Amino acid sequence: MPERNVDLAVRGGTVVMASSRFQSYIGFSDGRIVQIGGELRSDLEIDATDRLVLPGGLDMHVHLTSLASDELEFHWVDDFSSGTRAAAAGGITTVGNMAFPMPDETPLETIERTHEEAESKALIDYLIHPVIFDPSLSSHEQLDLLRERGHSSLKIFMILGNFEGRSREYLALMEAAAARGMLSMVHCEDGCLIGHLTERLVHQGKTGAEWYGASRPVFSEEVAVTRAIGFAEAANAPIYIVHLSSQAALEACHRARARGVPVYVETRPLYIHLTDERLSDADGAKYIGAPPLRKKSDSEALWNGIWAGEVQT
């Protein structure tokens, strides 16, 4: 192979691929990998001796938004500037942001507003998942426009947006989205059960972080996951279950896949590295998430699910 001129050469590192690792050179031009191995020449080189050279990571579930927006109901710690800096520092080169709508805003309007902010702040690549609180704003025409412009995902909360009262509309939305090759991402927790249990705990004065798990127990996730799977079957729609946390919920997904339901599972680092014992720490409140931390057996089941390919993300 003749020597190739490239914009950037990374030399001396151990290149890690999906199924192998080996020492090699990598050449980049116009921001893309153009050659692995062989002869390279570049005025800009990086010495990666004794280091691993990995593909950029994808984090498909982040919450970034403007800290200055008073019209949004939900506010996050990071915006696209600080959040993508953190991502880049950790080797993440693409993020998928959950974009929450303003009142009466269509999914496309949500995406356009978020893109306007992200375009000027993001240091890495990004894509946008529009959150659907009002399914009536996601008409077939709106879904067609989303698909034409390359957007292929929607985010649905089973615990927000009056899901219980409008479940038929959400089911129809999932079906229409699937017909256009779109993926429905679903937050699976049962709002009725959680509301009832939370009210009981508050009445009993059990409001510390150590009681948080009891307000959102495993069965409140398992029931919601099972229902979401039923929606997927009825709508002939693929679903992506976000931040799954428990063995019981994972087993429900396994059974569904065994009968051909297109269910994809995401978990989070905190569910595989931490357990609910953290909630009893003096600073237990900082470990609160939805769903909450679970038992060690749940963590072990998720690790096994990763090794077995039952957890995709």
C-alpha atoms as a PDB file:
ATOM      1  CA  MET A   1       0.000   0.000   0.000  1.00  0.00           C
ATOM      2  CA  PRO A   2       1.512   3.380  -0.960  1.00  0.00           C
ATOM      3  CA  GLU A   3       2.083   6.030   1.681  1.00  0.00           C
ATOM      4  CA  ARG A   4      -1.030   8.148   2.211  1.00  0.00           C
ATOM      5  CA  ASN A   5      -1.245  11.800   3.216  1.00  0.00           C
ATOM      6  CA  VAL A   6      -3.795  12.380   5.968  1.00  0.00           C
ATOM      7  CA  ASP A   7      -4.860  15.297   8.167  1.00  0.00           C
ATOM      8  CA  LEU A   8      -4.106  13.454  11.415  1.00  0.00           C
ATOM      9  CA  ALA A   9      -2.223  10.266  12.290  1.00  0.00           C
ATOM     10  CA  VAL A  10      -2.561   8.400  15.595  1.00  0.00           C
ATOM     11  CA  ARG A  11       0.443   6.153  16.101  1.00  0.00           C
ATOM     12  CA  GLY A  12       1.564   3.481  18.540  1.00  0.00           C
ATOM     13  CA  GLY A  13      -1.730   2.777  20.285  1.00  0.00           C
ATOM     14  CA  THR A  14      -3.692  -0.440  20.777  1.00  0.00           C
ATOM     15  CA  VAL A  15      -6.730  -0.162  18.493  1.00  0.00           C
ATOM     16  CA  VAL A  16      -9.846  -1.715  20.021  1.00  0.00           C
ATOM     17  CA  MET A  17     -12.469  -3.020  17.570  1.00  0.00           C
ATOM     18  CA  ALA A  18     -15.753  -4.824  18.217  1.00  0.00           C
ATOM     19  CA  SER A  19     -14.127  -8.255  18.331  1.00  0.00           C
ATOM     20  CA  SER A  20     -10.376  -7.687  18.418  1.00  0.00           C
ATOM     21  CA  ARG A  21      -7.520  -5.432  19.523  1.00  0.00           C
ATOM     22  CA  PHE A  22      -4.220  -4.838  17.816  1.00  0.00           C
ATOM     23  CA  GLN A  23      -1.442  -2.282  17.507  1.00  0.00           C
ATOM     24  CA  SER A  24      -1.783  -0.085  14.461  1.00  0.00           C
ATOM     25  CA  TYR A  25      -1.747   3.406  13.001  1.00  0.00           C
ATOM     26  CA  ILE A  26      -4.954   5.272  12.235  1.00  0.00           C
ATOM     27  CA  GLY A  27      -5.291   8.039   9.673  1.00  0.00           C
ATOM     28  CA  PHE A  28      -7.984  10.726   9.638  1.00  0.00           C
ATOM     29  CA  SER A  29      -9.021  13.172   6.921  1.00  0.00           C
ATOM     30  CA  ASP A  30     -11.953  15.590   6.972  1.00  0.00           C
ATOM     31  CA  GLY A  31     -12.858  14.342  10.438  1.00  0.00           C
ATOM     32  CA  ARG A  32     -13.242  10.704   9.390  1.00  0.00           C
ATOM     33  CA  ILE A  33     -11.126   7.549   9.652  1.00  0.00           C
ATOM     34  CA  VAL A  34      -9.712   6.875   6.192  1.00  0.00           C
ATOM     35  CA  GLN A  35      -7.090   4.226   6.932  1.00  0.00           C
ATOM     36  CA  ILE A  36      -6.101   1.734   9.618  1.00  0.00           C
ATOM     37  CA  GLY A  37      -2.579   0.379   9.274  1.00  0.00           C
ATOM     38  CA  GLY A  38      -0.245   0.786   6.354  1.00  0.00           C
ATOM     39  CA  GLU A  39       1.924   3.793   5.606  1.00  0.00           C
ATOM     40  CA  LEU A  40       0.685   7.221   6.699  1.00  0.00           C
ATOM     41  CA  ARG A  41       2.147  10.688   6.542  1.00  0.00           C
ATOM     42  CA  SER A  42       0.739  13.696   8.379  1.00  0.00           C
ATOM     43  CA  ASP A  43       1.940  17.024   9.719  1.00  0.00           C
ATOM     44  CA  LEU A  44      -0.218  16.413  12.792  1.00  0.00           C
ATOM     45  CA  GLU A  45       0.424  13.288  14.838  1.00  0.00           C
ATOM     46  CA  ILE A  46      -0.674  11.920  18.201  1.00  0.00           C
ATOM     47  CA  ASP A  47       1.536   9.473  20.061  1.00  0.00           C
ATOM     48  CA  ALA A  48      -0.801   6.869  21.609  1.00  0.00           C
ATOM     49  CA  THR A  49       1.917   4.547  22.921  1.00  0.00           C
ATOM     50  CA  ASP A  50       0.683   2.467  25.894  1.00  0.00           C
ATOM     51  CA  ARG A  51      -2.870   3.750  25.340  1.00  0.00           C
ATOM     52  CA  LEU A  52      -6.079   2.255  24.000  1.00  0.00           C
ATOM     53  CA  VAL A  53      -7.590   3.827  20.877  1.00  0.00           C
ATOM     54  CA  LEU A  54     -11.349   3.289  20.930  1.00  0.00           C
ATOM     55  CA  PRO A  55     -14.287   4.352  18.755  1.00  0.00           C
ATOM     56  CA  GLY A  56     -16.222   7.294  20.148  1.00  0.00           C
ATOM     57  CA  GLY A  57     -19.015   6.288  22.471  1.00  0.00           C
ATOM     58  CA  LEU A  58     -22.716   6.976  21.900  1.00  0.00           C
ATOM     59  CA  ASP A  59     -24.892   8.008  24.844  1.00  0.00           C
ATOM     60  CA  MET A  60     -28.454   7.896  23.548  1.00  0.00           C
ATOM     61  CA  HIS A  61     -30.151   9.197  26.702  1.00  0.00           C
ATOM     62  CA  VAL A  62     -29.108  12.562  28.087  1.00  0.00           C
ATOM     63  CA  HIS A  63     -31.009  15.543  29.505  1.00  0.00           C
ATOM     64  CA  LEU A  64     -29.535  18.834  28.359  1.00  0.00           C
ATOM     65  CA  THR A  65     -31.380  22.102  27.991  1.00  0.00           C
ATOM     66  CA  SER A  66     -31.025  25.822  28.439  1.00  0.00           C
ATOM     67  CA  LEU A  67     -30.558  26.849  32.072  1.00  0.00           C
ATOM     68  CA  ALA A  68     -32.187  30.183  31.280  1.00  0.00           C
ATOM     69  CA  SER A  69     -35.530  28.955  29.925  1.00  0.00           C
ATOM     70  CA  ASP A  70     -38.355  29.930  32.277  1.00  0.00           C
ATOM     71  CA  GLU A  71     -41.042  28.486  29.992  1.00  0.00           C
ATOM     72  CA  LEU A  72     -39.928  24.867  30.379  1.00  0.00           C
ATOM     73  CA  GLU A  73     -41.418  22.852  33.226  1.00  0.00           C
ATOM     74  CA  PHE A  74     -38.283  20.724  33.623  1.00  0.00           C
ATOM     75  CA  HIS A  75     -34.780  22.070  34.212  1.00  0.00           C
ATOM     76  CA  TRP A  76     -31.560  20.078  34.148  1.00  0.00           C
ATOM     77  CA  VAL A  77     -28.167  20.641  35.713  1.00  0.00           C
ATOM     78  CA  ASP A  78     -26.352  20.719  32.365  1.00  0.00           C
ATOM     79  CA  ASP A  79     -26.920  22.592  29.129  1.00  0.00           C
ATOM     80  CA  PHE A  80     -25.445  21.632  25.753  1.00  0.00           C
ATOM     81  CA  SER A  81     -22.198  23.391  26.561  1.00  0.00           C
ATOM     82  CA  SER A  82     -21.348  21.802  29.917  1.00  0.00           C
ATOM     83  CA  GLY A  83     -23.031  18.491  29.087  1.00  0.00           C
ATOM     84  CA  THR A  84     -21.196  17.869  25.836  1.00  0.00           C
ATOM     85  CA  ARG A  85     -17.897  18.943  27.414  1.00  0.00           C
ATOM     86  CA  ALA A  86     -18.405  16.236  30.028  1.00  0.00           C
ATOM     87  CA  ALA A  87     -19.323  13.756  27.322  1.00  0.00           C
ATOM     88  CA  ALA A  88     -16.212  14.530  25.272  1.00  0.00           C
ATOM     89  CA  ALA A  89     -14.008  14.176  28.344  1.00  0.00           C
ATOM     90  CA  GLY A  90     -15.401  10.677  28.820  1.00  0.00           C
ATOM     91  CA  GLY A  91     -14.924   9.596  25.209  1.00  0.00           C
ATOM     92  CA  ILE A  92     -18.537  10.124  24.142  1.00  0.00           C
ATOM     93  CA  THR A  93     -18.791  11.635  20.663  1.00  0.00           C
ATOM     94  CA  THR A  94     -22.569  11.508  20.093  1.00  0.00           C
ATOM     95  CA  VAL A  95     -25.447  12.143  22.514  1.00  0.00           C
ATOM     96  CA  GLY A  96     -29.190  11.662  22.147  1.00  0.00           C
ATOM     97  CA  ASN A  97     -31.021  14.415  24.005  1.00  0.00           C
ATOM     98  CA  MET A  98     -34.523  14.119  25.457  1.00  0.00           C
ATOM     99  CA  ALA A  99     -36.199  17.358  24.369  1.00  0.00           C
ATOM    100  CA  PHE A 100     -39.174  18.416  26.486  1.00  0.00           C
ATOM    101  CA  PRO A 101     -41.904  20.464  24.774  1.00  0.00           C
ATOM    102  CA  MET A 102     -43.260  23.821  25.740  1.00  0.00           C
ATOM    103  CA  PRO A 103     -47.079  24.048  26.002  1.00  0.00           C
ATOM    104  CA  ASP A 104     -48.837  23.408  22.658  1.00  0.00           C
ATOM    105  CA  GLU A 105     -45.517  22.811  20.897  1.00  0.00           C
ATOM    106  CA  THR A 106     -45.422  20.151  18.173  1.00  0.00           C
ATOM    107  CA  PRO A 107     -42.585  17.583  18.157  1.00  0.00           C
ATOM    108  CA  LEU A 108     -41.002  19.273  15.144  1.00  0.00           C
ATOM    109  CA  GLU A 109     -41.132  22.668  16.877  1.00  0.00           C
ATOM    110  CA  THR A 110     -39.534  21.100  19.958  1.00  0.00           C
ATOM    111  CA  ILE A 111     -36.737  19.689  17.817  1.00  0.00           C
ATOM    112  CA  GLU A 112     -36.144  22.952  15.962  1.00  0.00           C
ATOM    113  CA  ARG A 113     -36.008  24.973  19.193  1.00  0.00           C
ATOM    114  CA  THR A 114     -33.610  22.486  20.798  1.00  0.00           C
ATOM    115  CA  HIS A 115     -31.441  22.340  17.681  1.00  0.00           C
ATOM    116  CA  GLU A 116     -31.148  26.128  17.631  1.00  0.00           C
ATOM    117  CA  GLU A 117     -29.723  26.037  21.132  1.00  0.00           C
ATOM    118  CA  ALA A 118     -27.549  22.956  20.641  1.00  0.00           C
ATOM    119  CA  GLU A 119     -26.040  24.072  17.357  1.00  0.00           C
ATOM    120  CA  SER A 120     -24.242  26.984  18.999  1.00  0.00           C
ATOM    121  CA  LYS A 121     -23.158  25.151  22.171  1.00  0.00           C
ATOM    122  CA  ALA A 122     -22.566  21.446  21.505  1.00  0.00           C
ATOM    123  CA  LEU A 123     -18.960  20.304  21.143  1.00  0.00           C
ATOM    124  CA  ILE A 124     -19.903  16.865  19.778  1.00  0.00           C
ATOM    125  CA  ASP A 125     -22.538  15.322  17.536  1.00  0.00           C
ATOM    126  CA  TYR A 126     -26.088  15.108  18.844  1.00  0.00           C
ATOM    127  CA  LEU A 127     -29.538  13.882  17.950  1.00  0.00           C
ATOM    128  CA  ILE A 128     -32.862  14.865  19.488  1.00  0.00           C
ATOM    129  CA  HIS A 129     -35.648  12.658  20.876  1.00  0.00           C
ATOM    130  CA  PRO A 130     -38.854  14.751  21.183  1.00  0.00           C
ATOM    131  CA  VAL A 131     -40.862  14.009  24.347  1.00  0.00           C
ATOM    132  CA  ILE A 132     -44.582  13.584  23.682  1.00  0.00           C
ATOM    133  CA  PHE A 133     -46.891  14.970  26.381  1.00  0.00           C
ATOM    134  CA  ASP A 134     -49.859  15.655  24.084  1.00  0.00           C
ATOM    135  CA  PRO A 135     -50.306  12.922  21.455  1.00  0.00           C
ATOM    136  CA  SER A 136     -52.874  15.048  19.596  1.00  0.00           C
ATOM    137  CA  LEU A 137     -50.016  17.329  18.489  1.00  0.00           C
ATOM    138  CA  SER A 138     -48.332  14.379  16.731  1.00  0.00           C
ATOM    139  CA  SER A 139     -50.552  14.124  13.657  1.00  0.00           C
ATOM    140  CA  HIS A 140     -49.725  11.824  10.760  1.00  0.00           C
ATOM    141  CA  GLU A 141     -48.574  14.894   8.846  1.00  0.00           C
ATOM    142  CA  GLN A 142     -46.299  15.841  11.740  1.00  0.00           C
ATOM    143  CA  LEU A 143     -44.816  12.337  11.847  1.00  0.00           C
ATOM    144  CA  ASP A 144     -44.256  12.457   8.081  1.00  0.00           C
ATOM    145  CA  LEU A 145     -42.346  15.725   8.469  1.00  0.00           C
ATOM    146  CA  LEU A 146     -40.208  14.286  11.267  1.00  0.00           C
ATOM    147  CA  ARG A 147     -39.308  11.247   9.209  1.00  0.00           C
ATOM    148  CA  GLU A 148     -38.551  13.291   6.100  1.00  0.00           C
ATOM    149  CA  ARG A 149     -36.073  15.335   8.109  1.00  0.00           C
ATOM    150  CA  GLY A 150     -34.313  12.291   9.508  1.00  0.00           C
ATOM    151  CA  HIS A 151     -35.840  12.086  12.997  1.00  0.00           C
ATOM    152  CA  SER A 152     -36.724   8.506  13.853  1.00  0.00           C
ATOM    153  CA  SER A 153     -37.553   8.420  17.573  1.00  0.00           C
ATOM    154  CA  LEU A 154     -40.188   9.594  20.056  1.00  0.00           C
ATOM    155  CA  LYS A 155     -40.089   9.570  23.868  1.00  0.00           C
ATOM    156  CA  ILE A 156     -43.174   8.587  25.892  1.00  0.00           C
ATOM    157  CA  PHE A 157     -43.546   8.710  29.673  1.00  0.00           C
ATOM    158  CA  MET A 158     -46.014   6.253  31.192  1.00  0.00           C
ATOM    159  CA  ILE A 159     -45.900   8.339  34.362  1.00  0.00           C
ATOM    160  CA  LEU A 160     -46.252  11.845  32.873  1.00  0.00           C
ATOM    161  CA  GLY A 161     -48.401  13.606  30.287  1.00  0.00           C
ATOM    162  CA  ASN A 162     -51.677  12.051  31.513  1.00  0.00           C
ATOM    163  CA  PHE A 163     -50.703   8.714  30.023  1.00  0.00           C
ATOM    164  CA  GLU A 164     -53.458   6.881  31.902  1.00  0.00           C
ATOM    165  CA  GLY A 165     -56.189   9.180  30.627  1.00  0.00           C
ATOM    166  CA  ARG A 166     -54.930   9.171  27.043  1.00  0.00           C
ATOM    167  CA  SER A 167     -53.484   5.694  26.661  1.00  0.00           C
ATOM    168  CA  ARG A 168     -55.550   4.930  23.515  1.00  0.00           C
ATOM    169  CA  GLU A 169     -54.079   8.017  21.855  1.00  0.00           C
ATOM    170  CA  TYR A 170     -50.561   6.976  22.812  1.00  0.00           C
ATOM    171  CA  LEU A 171     -51.197   3.499  21.425  1.00  0.00           C
ATOM    172  CA  ALA A 172     -52.371   4.992  18.120  1.00  0.00           C
ATOM    173  CA  LEU A 173     -49.302   7.246  18.089  1.00  0.00           C
ATOM    174  CA  MET A 174     -46.964   4.279  18.553  1.00  0.00           C
ATOM    175  CA  GLU A 175     -48.684   2.451  15.702  1.00  0.00           C
ATOM    176  CA  ALA A 176     -48.463   5.454  13.373  1.00  0.00           C
ATOM    177  CA  ALA A 177     -44.814   6.031  14.283  1.00  0.00           C
ATOM    178  CA  ALA A 178     -43.931   2.378  13.656  1.00  0.00           C
ATOM    179  CA  ALA A 179     -45.591   2.524  10.227  1.00  0.00           C
ATOM    180  CA  ARG A 180     -43.066   5.249   9.384  1.00  0.00           C
ATOM    181  CA  GLY A 181     -40.069   3.326  10.647  1.00  0.00           C
ATOM    182  CA  MET A 182     -39.866   5.260  13.926  1.00  0.00           C
ATOM    183  CA  LEU A 183     -38.923   3.942  17.365  1.00  0.00           C
ATOM    184  CA  SER A 184     -40.942   4.654  20.510  1.00  0.00           C
ATOM    185  CA  MET A 185     -38.788   5.112  23.618  1.00  0.00           C
ATOM    186  CA  VAL A 186     -40.803   4.410  26.773  1.00  0.00           C
ATOM    187  CA  HIS A 187     -40.257   5.366  30.424  1.00  0.00           C
ATOM    188  CA  CYS A 188     -41.845   2.412  32.210  1.00  0.00           C
ATOM    189  CA  GLU A 189     -43.204   3.137  35.683  1.00  0.00           C
ATOM    190  CA  ASP A 190     -46.830   2.823  36.787  1.00  0.00           C
ATOM    191  CA  GLY A 191     -48.112   6.217  37.923  1.00  0.00           C
ATOM    192  CA  CYS A 192     -51.177   4.866  39.719  1.00  0.00           C
ATOM    193  CA  LEU A 193     -49.175   2.496  41.921  1.00  0.00           C
ATOM    194  CA  ILE A 194     -46.453   5.046  42.632  1.00  0.00           C
ATOM    195  CA  GLY A 195     -48.967   7.754  43.504  1.00  0.00           C
ATOM    196  CA  HIS A 196     -50.796   5.441  45.909  1.00  0.00           C
ATOM    197  CA  LEU A 197     -47.632   4.205  47.614  1.00  0.00           C
ATOM    198  CA  THR A 198     -46.149   7.696  47.867  1.00  0.00           C
ATOM    199  CA  GLU A 199     -49.315   9.064  49.463  1.00  0.00           C
ATOM    200  CA  ARG A 200     -49.244   6.263  52.045  1.00  0.00           C
ATOM    201  CA  LEU A 201     -45.581   6.855  52.898  1.00  0.00           C
ATOM    202  CA  VAL A 202     -46.103  10.606  53.258  1.00  0.00           C
ATOM    203  CA  HIS A 203     -49.091   9.987  55.547  1.00  0.00           C
ATOM    204  CA  GLN A 204     -46.851   7.751  57.676  1.00  0.00           C
ATOM    205  CA  GLY A 205     -44.133  10.404  57.814  1.00  0.00           C
ATOM    206  CA  LYS A 206     -41.716   8.229  55.849  1.00  0.00           C
ATOM    207  CA  THR A 207     -40.306  10.915  53.593  1.00  0.00           C
ATOM    208  CA  GLY A 208     -36.531  10.434  53.865  1.00  0.00           C
ATOM    209  CA  ALA A 209     -34.395   9.221  50.974  1.00  0.00           C
ATOM    210  CA  GLU A 210     -34.260   5.764  52.550  1.00  0.00           C
ATOM    211  CA  TRP A 211     -37.982   5.352  51.732  1.00  0.00           C
ATOM    212  CA  TYR A 212     -37.701   6.428  48.127  1.00  0.00           C
ATOM    213  CA  GLY A 213     -37.336   2.871  46.809  1.00  0.00           C
ATOM    214  CA  ALA A 214     -40.494   1.830  48.632  1.00  0.00           C
ATOM    215  CA  SER A 215     -42.419   4.515  46.737  1.00  0.00           C
ATOM    216  CA  ARG A 216     -41.370   3.033  43.360  1.00  0.00           C
ATOM    217  CA  PRO A 217     -40.911  -0.710  43.964  1.00  0.00           C
ATOM    218  CA  VAL A 218     -39.874  -3.292  41.390  1.00  0.00           C
ATOM    219  CA  PHE A 219     -43.463  -4.320  40.708  1.00  0.00           C
ATOM    220  CA  SER A 220     -44.366  -0.760  39.680  1.00  0.00           C
ATOM    221  CA  GLU A 221     -41.695  -1.050  36.955  1.00  0.00           C
ATOM    222  CA  GLU A 222     -42.473  -4.643  35.999  1.00  0.00           C
ATOM    223  CA  VAL A 223     -46.184  -3.869  35.522  1.00  0.00           C
ATOM    224  CA  ALA A 224     -45.376  -0.869  33.326  1.00  0.00           C
ATOM    225  CA  VAL A 225     -42.836  -2.796  31.235  1.00  0.00           C
ATOM    226  CA  THR A 226     -45.354  -5.598  30.701  1.00  0.00           C
ATOM    227  CA  ARG A 227     -47.978  -3.078  29.628  1.00  0.00           C
ATOM    228  CA  ALA A 228     -45.559  -1.315  27.271  1.00  0.00           C
ATOM    229  CA  ILE A 229     -44.802  -4.688  25.683  1.00  0.00           C
ATOM    230  CA  GLY A 230     -48.538  -5.206  25.211  1.00  0.00           C
ATOM    231  CA  PHE A 231     -48.727  -1.822  23.486  1.00  0.00           C
ATOM    232  CA  ALA A 232     -45.863  -2.862  21.216  1.00  0.00           C
ATOM    233  CA  GLU A 233     -47.657  -6.064  20.266  1.00  0.00           C
ATOM    234  CA  ALA A 234     -50.976  -4.315  19.635  1.00  0.00           C
ATOM    235  CA  ALA A 235     -49.349  -1.542  17.586  1.00  0.00           C
ATOM    236  CA  ASN A 236     -46.856  -3.772  15.745  1.00  0.00           C
ATOM    237  CA  ALA A 237     -44.317  -1.266  16.995  1.00  0.00           C
ATOM    238  CA  PRO A 238     -40.708  -1.604  18.144  1.00  0.00           C
ATOM    239  CA  ILE A 239     -40.083  -0.139  21.601  1.00  0.00           C
ATOM    240  CA  TYR A 240     -36.936   0.938  23.420  1.00  0.00           C
ATOM    241  CA  ILE A 241     -37.358   0.704  27.183  1.00  0.00           C
ATOM    242  CA  VAL A 242     -35.241   3.392  28.788  1.00  0.00           C
ATOM    243  CA  HIS A 243     -33.252   2.946  32.023  1.00  0.00           C
ATOM    244  CA  LEU A 244     -34.541  -0.501  32.986  1.00  0.00           C
ATOM    245  CA  SER A 245     -33.477  -1.265  36.552  1.00  0.00           C
ATOM    246  CA  SER A 246     -34.714  -4.656  37.730  1.00  0.00           C
ATOM    247  CA  GLN A 247     -34.420  -8.373  37.114  1.00  0.00           C
ATOM    248  CA  ALA A 248     -38.200  -8.826  36.954  1.00  0.00           C
ATOM    249  CA  ALA A 249     -38.574  -6.167  34.249  1.00  0.00           C
ATOM    250  CA  LEU A 250     -35.671  -7.636  32.271  1.00  0.00           C
ATOM    251  CA  GLU A 251     -37.249 -11.084  32.426  1.00  0.00           C
ATOM    252  CA  ALA A 252     -40.491  -9.639  31.034  1.00  0.00           C
ATOM    253  CA  CYS A 253     -38.502  -8.265  28.092  1.00  0.00           C
ATOM    254  CA  HIS A 254     -36.810 -11.630  27.572  1.00  0.00           C
ATOM    255  CA  ARG A 255     -40.174 -13.410  27.392  1.00  0.00           C
ATOM    256  CA  ALA A 256     -41.456 -10.828  24.919  1.00  0.00           C
ATOM    257  CA  ARG A 257     -38.459 -11.180  22.632  1.00  0.00           C
ATOM    258  CA  ALA A 258     -38.796 -14.960  22.762  1.00  0.00           C
ATOM    259  CA  ARG A 259     -42.190 -14.606  21.075  1.00  0.00           C
ATOM    260  CA  GLY A 260     -40.925 -12.110  18.529  1.00  0.00           C
ATOM    261  CA  VAL A 261     -41.766  -8.717  20.034  1.00  0.00           C
ATOM    262  CA  PRO A 262     -39.152  -6.099  18.997  1.00  0.00           C
ATOM    263  CA  VAL A 263     -38.146  -4.874  22.473  1.00  0.00           C
ATOM    264  CA  TYR A 264     -34.841  -3.102  23.090  1.00  0.00           C
ATOM    265  CA  VAL A 265     -33.476  -2.493  26.575  1.00  0.00           C
ATOM    266  CA  GLU A 266     -31.354   0.304  27.991  1.00  0.00           C
ATOM    267  CA  THR A 267     -29.939   0.411  31.513  1.00  0.00           C
ATOM    268  CA  ARG A 268     -27.844   2.991  33.345  1.00  0.00           C
ATOM    269  CA  PRO A 269     -24.425   2.752  35.012  1.00  0.00           C
ATOM    270  CA  LEU A 270     -25.912   3.426  38.448  1.00  0.00           C
ATOM    271  CA  TYR A 271     -28.078   0.292  38.256  1.00  0.00           C
ATOM    272  CA  ILE A 272     -25.123  -1.992  37.535  1.00  0.00           C
ATOM    273  CA  HIS A 273     -22.660  -0.371  39.939  1.00  0.00           C
ATOM    274  CA  LEU A 274     -24.811   0.724  42.916  1.00  0.00           C
ATOM    275  CA  THR A 275     -27.562  -0.791  45.075  1.00  0.00           C
ATOM    276  CA  ASP A 276     -30.397   0.589  47.189  1.00  0.00           C
ATOM    277  CA  GLU A 277     -28.186   0.555  50.277  1.00  0.00           C
ATOM    278  CA  ARG A 278     -26.882   3.943  49.085  1.00  0.00           C
ATOM    279  CA  LEU A 279     -30.266   5.521  49.783  1.00  0.00           C
ATOM    280  CA  SER A 280     -29.679   4.976  53.497  1.00  0.00           C
ATOM    281  CA  ASP A 281     -26.403   6.912  53.447  1.00  0.00           C
ATOM    282  CA  ALA A 282     -26.267  10.360  55.023  1.00  0.00           C
ATOM    283  CA  ASP A 283     -26.149  11.824  51.502  1.00  0.00           C
ATOM    284  CA  GLY A 284     -28.602   9.260  50.132  1.00  0.00           C
ATOM    285  CA  ALA A 285     -30.673  11.887  48.326  1.00  0.00           C
ATOM    286  CA  LYS A 286     -27.955  12.322  45.692  1.00  0.00           C
ATOM    287  CA  TYR A 287     -28.535   8.703  44.574  1.00  0.00           C
ATOM    288  CA  ILE A 288     -32.208   9.219  43.771  1.00  0.00           C
ATOM    289  CA  GLY A 289     -33.263   8.368  40.242  1.00  0.00           C
ATOM    290  CA  ALA A 290     -36.360   7.076  38.498  1.00  0.00           C
ATOM    291  CA  PRO A 291     -36.593   4.116  38.740  1.00  0.00           C
ATOM    292  CA  PRO A 292     -34.681   3.915  42.028  1.00  0.00           C
ATOM    293  CA  LEU A 293     -31.624   1.837  42.843  1.00  0.00           C
ATOM    294  CA  ARG A 294     -32.438  -1.844  43.342  1.00  0.00           C
ATOM    295  CA  LYS A 295     -31.028  -4.930  45.104  1.00  0.00           C
ATOM    296  CA  LYS A 296     -27.703  -6.601  44.361  1.00  0.00           C
ATOM    297  CA  SER A 297     -29.575  -9.424  42.618  1.00  0.00           C
ATOM    298  CA  ASP A 298     -31.014  -6.891  40.169  1.00  0.00           C
ATOM    299  CA  SER A 299     -27.573  -5.468  39.453  1.00  0.00           C
ATOM    300  CA  GLU A 300     -26.202  -8.954  38.824  1.00  0.00           C
ATOM    301  CA  ALA A 301     -29.113  -9.758  36.503  1.00  0.00           C
ATOM    302  CA  LEU A 302     -28.428  -6.616  34.480  1.00  0.00           C
ATOM    303  CA  TRP A 303     -24.726  -7.485  34.179  1.00  0.00           C
ATOM    304  CA  ASN A 304     -25.710 -10.954  32.966  1.00  0.00           C
ATOM    305  CA  GLY A 305     -28.163  -9.321  30.563  1.00  0.00           C
ATOM    306  CA  ILE A 306     -25.354  -7.222  29.106  1.00  0.00           C
ATOM    307  CA  TRP A 307     -23.107 -10.241  28.585  1.00  0.00           C
ATOM    308  CA  ALA A 308     -25.983 -12.216  27.046  1.00  0.00           C
ATOM    309  CA  GLY A 309     -27.100  -9.416  24.741  1.00  0.00           C
ATOM    310  CA  GLU A 310     -30.429  -8.969  26.535  1.00  0.00           C
ATOM    311  CA  VAL A 311     -29.481  -5.360  27.346  1.00  0.00           C
ATOM    312  CA  GLN A 312     -28.692  -3.501  24.129  1.00  0.00           C
ATOM    313  CA  THR A 313     -27.617  -0.132  25.570  1.00  0.00           C
END
